[in-house]
Amino acid sequence: MEQHDFDLFVIGGGSGGVRAARMAAQRGARVALAEVLGTDGLGGTCVNVGCIPKKLYSYAAHYAEAFEEAAGFGWDTTGGTLDWARLKQRRAAEITRLNGIYGNLLAGSGVTRIDGFARLTGAHSVSVATLQADGSATHREFTAAHILIATGGTPFVPHFQGREHVITSNEIFDLDPFPQRLAVVGGGYIACEFASIFNGLGAKVTQLYRGEQVLRGFDDEIRHFVAGEMVKHGVDLRLGAGVVAIRKEADGLHLALEDGQTLVTDAVLYATGRVPLVKDLGLDAVGVAQGAQGEVVVDEHYRTSVPHIFAVGDVTNRVQLTPVALGEAMVVVDQLLGAAPGKAQRSMSYEYIPTAVFTHPSIGTVGLSEQAARERYGDVTIFRSEFKALRHTLSGSTERTLMKLVVDTATDRVVGLHMVGAEAGEIVQGFAVAMKAGATKAVFDSTIGIHPTAAEEFVTMREPLRR
C-alpha cells in the first residue's frame, strides 16, 4: 500500500466516517478524512442538525409540561417564559464543543484532516477542492489504497409552487424569530418529533400528512396511539392533507391545501424524507453503482461495484441511524485491517435494531411490528398493556402509556417490543439486549420487575390480548 498517499481516504466527517478513520488510524493505517463541502462541522447530521440538537430541544419542550404538572405535587409555580435566543445560543455552544471533541479524536488518532469538497477521480484517487478567501478554489489530488464514502443524507423537498418559502430540519434549529404558528408537512419520525417539540415550546403547530396515519412502517397500534397522544398534547394533526402551493403575504405564509382550505402560518417545515448526499461526488465517472434514489449500492461487506471503494451510513440508504453507521464503519475497518487484537472480526446484523422517536410522549421499539411478525411467523401471540403512569395520578395530565409484546407462538421468542410513554428509549434499550440474545416470553415472565416503574410492565404481562 506504500505506493499511495494514504491507506484509507474517508469522504465525509459524520459519525460513520469519523469512526472508520479513527479506528483505522489507531491500528496503524495512514488515514485522511475530507469534510464534504466543509459542512456544518465534524459529527455530521447527528451532531449538527439531527439527533443531538433535536434531543436538546425535546428536553426544553418538556419543561412547559413540568411547570404545569408541578402543581399536582404541591409546588406553587407559575412556570416560566421561553427565551428562544438563549436556547439557540446554548445549543450552538454545545454543538461547537462536540465538533471540537470529534476534531481532537481525529488528531489524536493521527488522521490527516483535509477541509474541502472531495470528488472521486478514480478507483484509488480523490480530488479535494478548497475555497480560498477570494472565492477561488484550489485543487489537490490524493491517492489511497482504499476509499470510504460516508457522506450521509440530506432533506428532500418536492417541487411545487412556493417551495422557496419552506425550511427543512437543517434550518429549524435557528429560526428567527420563534414561529408562533408552525406548519409541519410530513408523517415520518422527523415530522412527528418537530411537531411535538415546537408544540411543547409554545408554537401553534399544524401537522399535515397525505397518508392515512403517521409513522408508516411502525406497528399500527403504536402509530394510532401516539397520534392520539400528540393531538391530546395540542398538535393539530390533519391526515389525508396535502399542500398544493405556498405564497407569502403580509400576515404570513398562506398554504393552499388539497381540500381547498387555506392555512396561514409563520413558518413551514418540510420533513418529507431524506435522500443520499451524492451530488458531485463523481460516482458516475468512476462507475460506482447507484440505486433508484441515488444511494450507493454495496454488498454485505460495504464494498461498492468498484474495487477498493466502500460506503457506509445514510449514503447507502439502508437503516438511517447513527449507531448503525458506527457499526458498519467498524465492519469496514475489520475488512481492511483484520480484527483488533483479541477481538473477533465484526459483522453487522440488521435484526433487532432498537430505535426511539422523540415525540411527546416518546416511542421506543425493537424487533418486528405485529403485522411484520404475522407475515414472517404466521402464528403470533400479542400481549398489550395500557395505563396511566404513576406520575400522572397526581400531575393532572391525561397522558397514557402503551406497552406491547409480539411473541412467536411456536418458539415463545419475543420478536417485537414496543412502547409509547415517558423515557421509552431508555427503557427499550435494555430490553433490546435480551431480545438480541433470544429471550422468550417465559424468560420475561420469570424476570422480577422493579417496582414502581413503567418498565416492570414488560415482565408482568401474563394474559395474551389475541393470537
Protein backbone atom coordinates (compact mmCIF):
# COMPACT_ATOMS: atom_id res chain seq x y z
CA MET A 1 0.00 0.00 0.00
CA GLU A 2 3.05 2.27 0.19
CA GLN A 3 2.66 3.49 -3.41
CA HIS A 4 -0.38 5.56 -2.38
CA ASP A 5 -0.55 8.74 -0.31
CA PHE A 6 -2.85 7.02 2.19
CA ASP A 7 -4.04 3.55 3.06
CA LEU A 8 -7.59 4.82 3.57
CA PHE A 9 -9.23 8.04 2.38
CA VAL A 10 -12.58 8.81 4.03
CA ILE A 11 -15.02 11.19 2.35
CA GLY A 12 -17.38 12.61 4.98
CA GLY A 13 -16.91 13.68 8.59
CA GLY A 14 -20.11 12.28 10.05
CA SER A 15 -20.45 9.52 12.62
CA GLY A 16 -19.53 6.66 10.28
CA GLY A 17 -16.66 8.45 8.57
CA VAL A 18 -15.06 9.68 11.78
CA ARG A 19 -15.37 6.26 13.44
CA ALA A 20 -13.77 4.45 10.48
CA ALA A 21 -10.96 6.99 10.20
CA ARG A 22 -10.16 6.92 13.90
CA MET A 23 -10.20 3.16 14.29
CA ALA A 24 -8.16 2.55 11.15
CA ALA A 25 -5.54 5.12 12.19
CA GLN A 26 -5.31 3.64 15.66
CA ARG A 27 -4.39 0.32 14.05
CA GLY A 28 -1.52 1.93 12.19
CA ALA A 29 -3.09 2.79 8.83
CA ARG A 30 -2.32 6.08 7.10
CA VAL A 31 -5.71 7.77 7.00
CA ALA A 32 -7.10 11.01 5.60
CA LEU A 33 -10.59 12.40 6.10
CA ALA A 34 -12.16 15.09 3.92
CA GLU A 35 -15.17 17.07 5.07
CA VAL A 36 -17.71 17.15 2.24
CA LEU A 37 -18.35 20.74 1.24
CA GLY A 38 -16.89 21.80 4.58
CA THR A 39 -20.37 21.16 6.06
CA ASP A 40 -21.66 22.26 9.45
CA GLY A 41 -18.86 20.63 11.38
CA LEU A 42 -17.49 17.26 12.33
CA GLY A 43 -20.09 14.81 13.52
CA GLY A 44 -22.38 15.06 10.52
CA THR A 45 -26.15 15.29 10.66
CA CYS A 46 -26.45 13.66 14.07
CA VAL A 47 -24.28 16.13 15.94
CA ASN A 48 -25.06 19.30 14.00
CA VAL A 49 -28.65 19.20 12.77
CA GLY A 50 -30.04 15.87 13.93
CA CYS A 51 -30.10 13.65 16.98
CA ILE A 52 -28.23 15.85 19.46
CA PRO A 53 -29.84 19.28 18.92
CA LYS A 54 -33.23 17.63 18.43
CA LYS A 55 -33.00 15.83 21.78
CA LEU A 56 -31.84 19.04 23.49
CA TYR A 57 -34.87 20.88 22.14
CA SER A 58 -37.08 17.98 23.19
CA TYR A 59 -35.78 18.37 26.75
CA ALA A 60 -36.52 22.10 26.56
CA ALA A 61 -40.07 21.46 25.35
CA HIS A 62 -40.82 19.17 28.28
CA TYR A 63 -40.28 21.94 30.82
CA ALA A 64 -43.58 23.62 29.93
CA GLU A 65 -45.37 20.39 30.84
CA ALA A 66 -43.31 20.04 34.00
CA PHE A 67 -44.30 23.53 35.18
CA GLU A 68 -47.97 22.69 34.68
CA GLU A 69 -47.72 19.32 36.37
CA ALA A 70 -45.79 20.60 39.39
CA ALA A 71 -48.94 22.00 40.99
CA GLY A 72 -50.31 18.48 41.39
CA PHE A 73 -47.30 17.65 43.56
CA GLY A 74 -47.70 20.64 45.85
CA TRP A 75 -45.42 23.13 44.12
CA ASP A 76 -46.69 26.68 43.83
CA THR A 77 -45.26 27.77 40.49
CA THR A 78 -46.40 29.93 37.62
CA GLY A 79 -43.97 28.35 35.20
CA GLY A 80 -41.64 30.36 33.01
CA THR A 81 -41.17 32.06 29.66
CA LEU A 82 -39.10 30.57 26.87
CA ASP A 83 -36.04 32.60 25.90
CA TRP A 84 -35.68 31.25 22.37
CA ALA A 85 -32.46 33.15 21.69
CA ARG A 86 -30.83 31.74 24.82
CA LEU A 87 -31.88 28.19 23.95
CA LYS A 88 -30.38 28.57 20.48
CA GLN A 89 -27.16 30.00 21.90
CA ARG A 90 -26.81 27.22 24.45
CA ARG A 91 -27.44 24.57 21.80
CA ALA A 92 -24.92 26.12 19.43
CA ALA A 93 -22.27 26.21 22.15
CA GLU A 94 -22.78 22.53 22.90
CA ILE A 95 -22.56 21.59 19.21
CA THR A 96 -19.33 23.57 18.88
CA ARG A 97 -17.96 21.70 21.88
CA LEU A 98 -18.83 18.37 20.29
CA ASN A 99 -17.28 19.43 16.96
CA GLY A 100 -14.07 20.11 18.87
CA ILE A 101 -14.16 16.71 20.53
CA TYR A 102 -14.51 15.00 17.16
CA GLY A 103 -11.61 17.04 15.81
CA ASN A 104 -9.42 16.15 18.78
CA LEU A 105 -10.27 12.46 18.42
CA LEU A 106 -9.19 12.51 14.79
CA ALA A 107 -6.00 14.44 15.53
CA GLY A 108 -5.18 12.23 18.50
CA SER A 109 -5.53 9.14 16.33
CA GLY A 110 -3.18 10.53 13.68
CA VAL A 111 -5.80 11.14 11.00
CA THR A 112 -4.93 13.78 8.39
CA ARG A 113 -7.92 16.09 8.14
CA ILE A 114 -8.48 17.83 4.80
CA ASP A 115 -11.10 20.59 4.60
CA GLY A 116 -12.87 20.81 1.27
CA PHE A 117 -15.14 19.10 -1.19
CA ALA A 118 -13.88 15.67 -2.18
CA ARG A 119 -14.63 14.11 -5.55
CA LEU A 120 -13.74 10.65 -6.81
CA THR A 121 -11.47 10.71 -9.83
CA GLY A 122 -10.56 7.02 -9.93
CA ALA A 123 -10.67 3.75 -8.06
CA HIS A 124 -7.73 4.97 -5.96
CA SER A 125 -7.81 8.74 -6.43
CA VAL A 126 -9.63 11.73 -4.96
CA SER A 127 -9.56 15.44 -5.82
CA VAL A 128 -10.28 17.90 -3.00
CA ALA A 129 -11.41 21.46 -3.79
CA THR A 130 -10.88 24.04 -1.06
CA LEU A 131 -12.36 27.52 -1.27
CA GLN A 132 -9.99 30.44 -0.72
CA ALA A 133 -10.76 33.80 0.86
CA ASP A 134 -11.03 35.47 -2.56
CA GLY A 135 -13.66 32.95 -3.71
CA SER A 136 -11.35 30.90 -5.86
CA ALA A 137 -10.71 27.22 -5.27
CA THR A 138 -7.54 25.21 -5.05
CA HIS A 139 -7.50 21.57 -6.09
CA ARG A 140 -5.34 18.88 -4.57
CA GLU A 141 -5.03 15.30 -5.73
CA PHE A 142 -4.60 12.33 -3.39
CA THR A 143 -4.35 8.61 -3.89
CA ALA A 144 -5.36 5.87 -1.48
CA ALA A 145 -5.34 2.10 -1.40
CA HIS A 146 -8.97 2.23 -0.27
CA ILE A 147 -11.66 4.91 -0.28
CA LEU A 148 -14.68 5.09 2.03
CA ILE A 149 -17.76 7.13 1.08
CA ALA A 150 -19.60 8.30 4.21
CA THR A 151 -21.33 11.47 3.06
CA GLY A 152 -24.70 10.79 4.71
CA GLY A 153 -28.01 12.20 3.57
CA THR A 154 -29.85 15.48 3.13
CA PRO A 155 -33.50 16.57 3.47
CA PHE A 156 -35.73 16.13 0.43
CA VAL A 157 -38.31 18.76 -0.54
CA PRO A 158 -40.57 18.04 -3.51
CA HIS A 159 -41.01 20.61 -6.27
CA PHE A 160 -44.15 22.75 -6.03
CA GLN A 161 -45.18 26.38 -6.27
CA GLY A 162 -43.77 28.27 -3.30
CA ARG A 163 -41.09 25.73 -2.47
CA GLU A 164 -38.63 28.57 -1.79
CA HIS A 165 -40.61 29.60 1.31
CA VAL A 166 -40.16 26.34 3.25
CA ILE A 167 -37.42 25.20 5.60
CA THR A 168 -36.08 21.76 6.43
CA SER A 169 -34.73 20.14 9.57
CA ASN A 170 -31.37 21.72 8.73
CA GLU A 171 -32.72 25.23 9.35
CA ILE A 172 -35.37 24.63 12.02
CA PHE A 173 -33.00 24.98 14.97
CA ASP A 174 -32.06 28.58 14.19
CA LEU A 175 -35.38 30.07 13.10
CA ASP A 176 -35.62 33.78 13.82
CA PRO A 177 -37.97 34.81 15.24
CA PHE A 178 -39.61 31.90 17.04
CA PRO A 179 -42.61 30.79 14.94
CA GLN A 180 -45.84 31.36 16.83
CA ARG A 181 -47.58 29.36 14.08
CA LEU A 182 -45.75 26.42 12.52
CA ALA A 183 -46.90 24.04 9.81
CA VAL A 184 -45.10 20.70 9.66
CA VAL A 185 -45.53 18.76 6.43
CA GLY A 186 -44.80 15.04 6.63
CA GLY A 187 -45.67 11.98 8.65
CA GLY A 188 -42.34 10.34 9.39
CA TYR A 189 -40.46 10.39 12.66
CA ILE A 190 -38.71 13.69 11.93
CA ALA A 191 -42.01 15.44 11.21
CA CYS A 192 -43.68 13.99 14.31
CA GLU A 193 -40.73 14.87 16.54
CA PHE A 194 -40.58 18.50 15.47
CA ALA A 195 -44.36 18.83 15.68
CA SER A 196 -44.18 17.64 19.29
CA ILE A 197 -41.13 19.75 20.15
CA PHE A 198 -42.41 23.08 18.83
CA ASN A 199 -45.84 22.40 20.26
CA GLY A 200 -44.15 21.95 23.64
CA LEU A 201 -42.10 25.10 23.17
CA GLY A 202 -45.27 27.11 22.70
CA ALA A 203 -45.96 27.28 18.95
CA LYS A 204 -49.38 26.56 17.48
CA VAL A 205 -48.47 23.51 15.39
CA THR A 206 -50.42 22.09 12.48
CA GLN A 207 -49.08 18.84 11.05
CA LEU A 208 -50.16 17.90 7.53
CA TYR A 209 -49.75 14.38 6.16
CA ARG A 210 -51.24 12.96 2.98
CA GLY A 211 -51.34 9.39 4.31
CA GLU A 212 -53.93 7.68 6.47
CA GLN A 213 -51.73 7.68 9.58
CA VAL A 214 -48.31 8.96 10.62
CA LEU A 215 -45.21 6.82 11.17
CA ARG A 216 -45.66 4.38 8.32
CA GLY A 217 -43.61 1.25 8.96
CA PHE A 218 -44.13 1.26 12.73
CA ASP A 219 -46.55 -1.07 14.49
CA ASP A 220 -50.10 0.02 13.66
CA GLU A 221 -51.24 0.21 17.28
CA ILE A 222 -48.23 2.33 18.15
CA ARG A 223 -48.94 4.68 15.23
CA HIS A 224 -52.57 5.27 16.17
CA PHE A 225 -51.85 5.53 19.88
CA VAL A 226 -49.06 8.10 19.61
CA ALA A 227 -51.06 10.14 17.10
CA GLY A 228 -53.88 10.34 19.61
CA GLU A 229 -51.50 11.38 22.38
CA MET A 230 -49.92 14.08 20.19
CA VAL A 231 -53.37 15.51 19.50
CA LYS A 232 -54.13 15.49 23.23
CA HIS A 233 -50.93 17.44 23.80
CA GLY A 234 -52.11 20.12 21.38
CA VAL A 235 -50.82 19.24 17.89
CA ASP A 236 -53.40 19.89 15.18
CA LEU A 237 -52.81 16.70 13.18
CA ARG A 238 -54.53 16.61 9.80
CA LEU A 239 -54.38 13.32 7.92
CA GLY A 240 -55.13 12.98 4.24
CA ALA A 241 -53.98 16.58 3.85
CA GLY A 242 -51.56 17.80 1.21
CA VAL A 243 -50.11 21.15 0.18
CA VAL A 244 -50.76 22.45 -3.35
CA ALA A 245 -48.89 25.76 -3.17
CA ILE A 246 -47.46 28.31 -0.75
CA ARG A 247 -47.43 32.06 -1.16
CA LYS A 248 -46.02 34.74 1.09
CA GLU A 249 -48.35 37.50 2.28
CA ALA A 250 -48.04 40.30 4.82
CA ASP A 251 -49.72 38.23 7.54
CA GLY A 252 -47.65 35.09 6.97
CA LEU A 253 -47.30 32.11 4.66
CA HIS A 254 -50.54 31.00 3.02
CA LEU A 255 -50.73 27.27 2.35
CA ALA A 256 -53.27 26.20 -0.26
CA LEU A 257 -54.36 22.70 0.71
CA GLU A 258 -55.70 19.91 -1.50
CA ASP A 259 -59.13 20.11 0.11
CA GLY A 260 -59.48 23.77 -0.88
CA GLN A 261 -58.76 25.21 2.55
CA THR A 262 -56.05 27.74 3.34
CA LEU A 263 -53.72 27.59 6.33
CA VAL A 264 -51.78 30.69 7.43
CA THR A 265 -48.54 30.15 9.37
CA ASP A 266 -45.29 31.90 10.22
CA ALA A 267 -43.05 29.05 9.04
CA VAL A 268 -43.40 25.79 7.12
CA LEU A 269 -41.17 22.83 7.94
CA TYR A 270 -40.99 20.18 5.24
CA ALA A 271 -39.98 16.82 6.70
CA THR A 272 -40.79 14.65 3.72
CA GLY A 273 -37.85 12.29 3.76
CA ARG A 274 -34.12 12.31 3.19
CA VAL A 275 -32.01 11.31 0.21
CA PRO A 276 -28.36 10.22 -0.04
CA LEU A 277 -25.89 13.09 -0.35
CA VAL A 278 -24.10 12.11 -3.54
CA LYS A 279 -24.18 15.24 -5.71
CA ASP A 280 -20.90 15.96 -7.48
CA LEU A 281 -19.10 13.05 -5.82
CA GLY A 282 -18.02 11.71 -9.20
CA LEU A 283 -19.77 8.36 -8.76
CA ASP A 284 -20.84 8.12 -12.40
CA ALA A 285 -17.40 8.95 -13.75
CA VAL A 286 -15.78 6.25 -11.65
CA GLY A 287 -18.53 3.68 -12.21
CA VAL A 288 -19.90 3.31 -8.69
CA ALA A 289 -23.37 1.72 -8.97
CA GLN A 290 -26.30 3.64 -7.50
CA GLY A 291 -29.89 2.80 -6.64
CA ALA A 292 -33.15 4.49 -7.54
CA GLN A 293 -32.71 7.32 -5.04
CA GLY A 294 -29.05 7.79 -5.80
CA GLU A 295 -27.88 5.63 -2.92
CA VAL A 296 -24.53 3.89 -3.20
CA VAL A 297 -25.11 0.17 -3.73
CA VAL A 298 -22.93 -2.04 -1.51
CA ASP A 299 -22.58 -5.74 -0.72
CA GLU A 300 -22.66 -7.33 2.73
CA HIS A 301 -19.12 -6.09 3.34
CA TYR A 302 -19.97 -2.50 2.24
CA ARG A 303 -17.96 -2.79 -0.97
CA THR A 304 -19.27 -0.85 -3.94
CA SER A 305 -19.21 -2.03 -7.54
CA VAL A 306 -15.72 -0.52 -7.84
CA PRO A 307 -12.95 -2.50 -6.11
CA HIS A 308 -11.35 -0.72 -3.16
CA ILE A 309 -14.23 1.79 -2.77
CA PHE A 310 -16.57 1.25 0.20
CA ALA A 311 -19.61 3.09 1.57
CA VAL A 312 -21.40 3.18 4.92
CA GLY A 313 -24.21 5.05 6.65
CA ASP A 314 -27.10 7.03 5.23
CA VAL A 315 -25.48 7.35 1.80
CA THR A 316 -26.32 3.65 1.30
CA ASN A 317 -29.96 4.28 2.31
CA ARG A 318 -30.25 1.14 4.41
CA VAL A 319 -31.02 1.97 8.04
CA GLN A 320 -30.62 5.69 8.68
CA LEU A 321 -29.45 5.61 12.28
CA THR A 322 -26.20 6.88 13.77
CA PRO A 323 -25.39 3.67 15.71
CA VAL A 324 -25.90 1.68 12.51
CA ALA A 325 -23.37 3.84 10.66
CA LEU A 326 -20.91 3.35 13.52
CA GLY A 327 -21.34 -0.42 13.38
CA GLU A 328 -20.93 -0.50 9.61
CA ALA A 329 -17.76 1.58 9.88
CA MET A 330 -16.22 -0.96 12.24
CA VAL A 331 -17.05 -3.79 9.83
CA VAL A 332 -15.20 -1.94 7.05
CA VAL A 333 -12.15 -1.36 9.27
CA ASP A 334 -12.04 -5.06 10.11
CA GLN A 335 -12.41 -5.93 6.43
CA LEU A 336 -9.41 -3.80 5.55
CA LEU A 337 -7.14 -4.35 8.54
CA GLY A 338 -8.37 -7.50 10.22
CA ALA A 339 -9.93 -7.77 13.64
CA ALA A 340 -8.50 -5.83 16.54
CA PRO A 341 -6.13 -7.83 18.78
CA GLY A 342 -8.08 -10.24 20.94
CA LYS A 343 -11.36 -9.49 19.15
CA ALA A 344 -13.42 -11.43 16.64
CA GLN A 345 -13.94 -9.90 13.23
CA ARG A 346 -17.09 -7.82 13.29
CA SER A 347 -20.21 -8.35 11.25
CA MET A 348 -23.41 -6.32 11.09
CA SER A 349 -26.90 -7.63 11.74
CA TYR A 350 -29.95 -5.52 10.95
CA GLU A 351 -32.30 -7.54 13.10
CA TYR A 352 -33.41 -6.22 16.50
CA ILE A 353 -32.08 -2.71 15.99
CA PRO A 354 -33.70 -0.60 18.71
CA THR A 355 -34.88 2.88 17.89
CA ALA A 356 -36.65 5.77 19.58
CA VAL A 357 -38.88 8.56 18.32
CA PHE A 358 -38.79 11.67 20.49
CA THR A 359 -42.42 12.61 20.17
CA HIS A 360 -44.36 13.70 23.25
CA PRO A 361 -44.83 11.05 24.56
CA SER A 362 -41.86 9.21 23.10
CA ILE A 363 -41.72 5.87 21.30
CA GLY A 364 -39.28 3.03 21.87
CA THR A 365 -39.31 -0.03 19.65
CA VAL A 366 -37.20 -3.07 18.81
CA GLY A 367 -37.93 -6.03 16.59
CA LEU A 368 -40.96 -6.67 14.41
CA SER A 369 -44.32 -4.96 14.28
CA GLU A 370 -47.34 -7.20 14.76
CA GLN A 371 -48.03 -7.10 11.02
CA ALA A 372 -44.46 -8.00 10.06
CA ALA A 373 -44.35 -10.79 12.64
CA ARG A 374 -47.56 -12.33 11.27
CA GLU A 375 -46.10 -12.26 7.77
CA ARG A 376 -42.90 -13.95 8.93
CA TYR A 377 -44.14 -16.43 11.54
CA GLY A 378 -47.85 -16.80 10.88
CA ASP A 379 -48.94 -17.65 14.42
CA VAL A 380 -48.07 -14.91 16.91
CA THR A 381 -49.33 -14.06 20.38
CA ILE A 382 -49.87 -10.43 21.40
CA PHE A 383 -49.54 -9.01 24.88
CA ARG A 384 -50.62 -5.42 25.47
CA SER A 385 -50.95 -3.07 28.42
CA GLU A 386 -52.24 0.49 28.50
CA PHE A 387 -52.28 2.58 31.68
CA LYS A 388 -51.80 5.97 33.28
CA ALA A 389 -48.24 6.21 34.62
CA LEU A 390 -47.89 6.70 38.38
CA ARG A 391 -46.55 10.22 37.87
CA HIS A 392 -49.76 11.29 36.21
CA THR A 393 -52.01 10.11 39.02
CA LEU A 394 -51.09 13.44 40.66
CA SER A 395 -49.85 15.56 37.74
CA GLY A 396 -53.29 16.14 36.25
CA SER A 397 -52.11 15.01 32.81
CA THR A 398 -54.30 12.65 30.81
CA GLU A 399 -51.25 11.12 29.07
CA ARG A 400 -51.31 7.35 28.89
CA THR A 401 -48.62 4.72 28.32
CA LEU A 402 -48.83 1.77 25.93
CA MET A 403 -46.64 -1.34 26.02
CA LYS A 404 -46.81 -4.26 23.65
CA LEU A 405 -45.05 -7.59 23.15
CA VAL A 406 -45.17 -9.66 19.97
CA VAL A 407 -44.31 -13.33 20.53
CA ASP A 408 -43.64 -16.08 18.00
CA THR A 409 -46.09 -18.68 19.32
CA ALA A 410 -44.12 -21.69 18.08
CA THR A 411 -40.84 -20.81 19.80
CA ASP A 412 -42.13 -18.47 22.56
CA ARG A 413 -39.46 -15.97 21.48
CA VAL A 414 -40.26 -12.28 21.91
CA VAL A 415 -39.81 -10.88 18.40
CA GLY A 416 -41.27 -7.41 18.86
CA LEU A 417 -41.32 -4.98 21.78
CA HIS A 418 -42.95 -1.57 21.56
CA MET A 419 -43.65 1.30 23.95
CA VAL A 420 -45.21 4.74 23.93
CA GLY A 421 -44.53 6.68 27.11
CA ALA A 422 -42.02 8.66 29.12
CA GLU A 423 -38.37 7.63 28.60
CA ALA A 424 -39.38 4.91 26.17
CA GLY A 425 -35.97 4.92 24.50
CA GLU A 426 -34.14 4.48 27.81
CA ILE A 427 -36.39 1.56 28.74
CA VAL A 428 -36.36 -0.25 25.39
CA GLN A 429 -32.55 -0.11 25.06
CA GLY A 430 -32.16 -2.60 27.90
CA PHE A 431 -34.80 -4.95 26.57
CA ALA A 432 -33.09 -4.89 23.17
CA VAL A 433 -30.14 -6.74 24.71
CA ALA A 434 -32.45 -9.50 25.93
CA MET A 435 -34.15 -9.80 22.55
CA LYS A 436 -30.83 -9.88 20.73
CA ALA A 437 -29.92 -12.79 23.00
CA GLY A 438 -33.13 -14.63 22.03
CA ALA A 439 -35.19 -14.10 25.19
CA THR A 440 -38.50 -15.96 25.30
CA LYS A 441 -41.74 -14.84 26.91
CA ALA A 442 -41.03 -17.37 29.65
CA VAL A 443 -37.75 -15.54 30.39
CA PHE A 444 -39.64 -12.26 30.56
CA ASP A 445 -42.20 -13.84 32.91
CA SER A 446 -39.51 -15.19 35.23
CA THR A 447 -37.76 -11.82 35.49
CA ILE A 448 -38.53 -9.78 38.60
CA GLY A 449 -39.70 -6.25 37.89
CA ILE A 450 -38.52 -3.07 39.57
CA HIS A 451 -41.46 -1.53 41.44
CA PRO A 452 -42.87 1.01 40.95
CA THR A 453 -41.68 1.66 37.39
CA ALA A 454 -43.34 1.64 34.00
CA ALA A 455 -40.65 -0.76 32.73
CA GLU A 456 -41.84 -3.55 35.04
CA GLU A 457 -44.97 -3.87 32.93
CA PHE A 458 -42.93 -5.66 30.27
CA VAL A 459 -42.25 -8.53 32.69
CA THR A 460 -45.70 -8.67 34.30
CA MET A 461 -47.95 -9.04 31.27
CA ARG A 462 -49.43 -12.53 31.58
CA GLU A 463 -52.71 -12.66 29.69
CA PRO A 464 -52.45 -12.55 25.88
CA LEU A 465 -54.62 -9.99 24.12
CA ARG A 466 -55.00 -12.13 20.99
CA ARG A 467 -53.40 -14.89 18.95
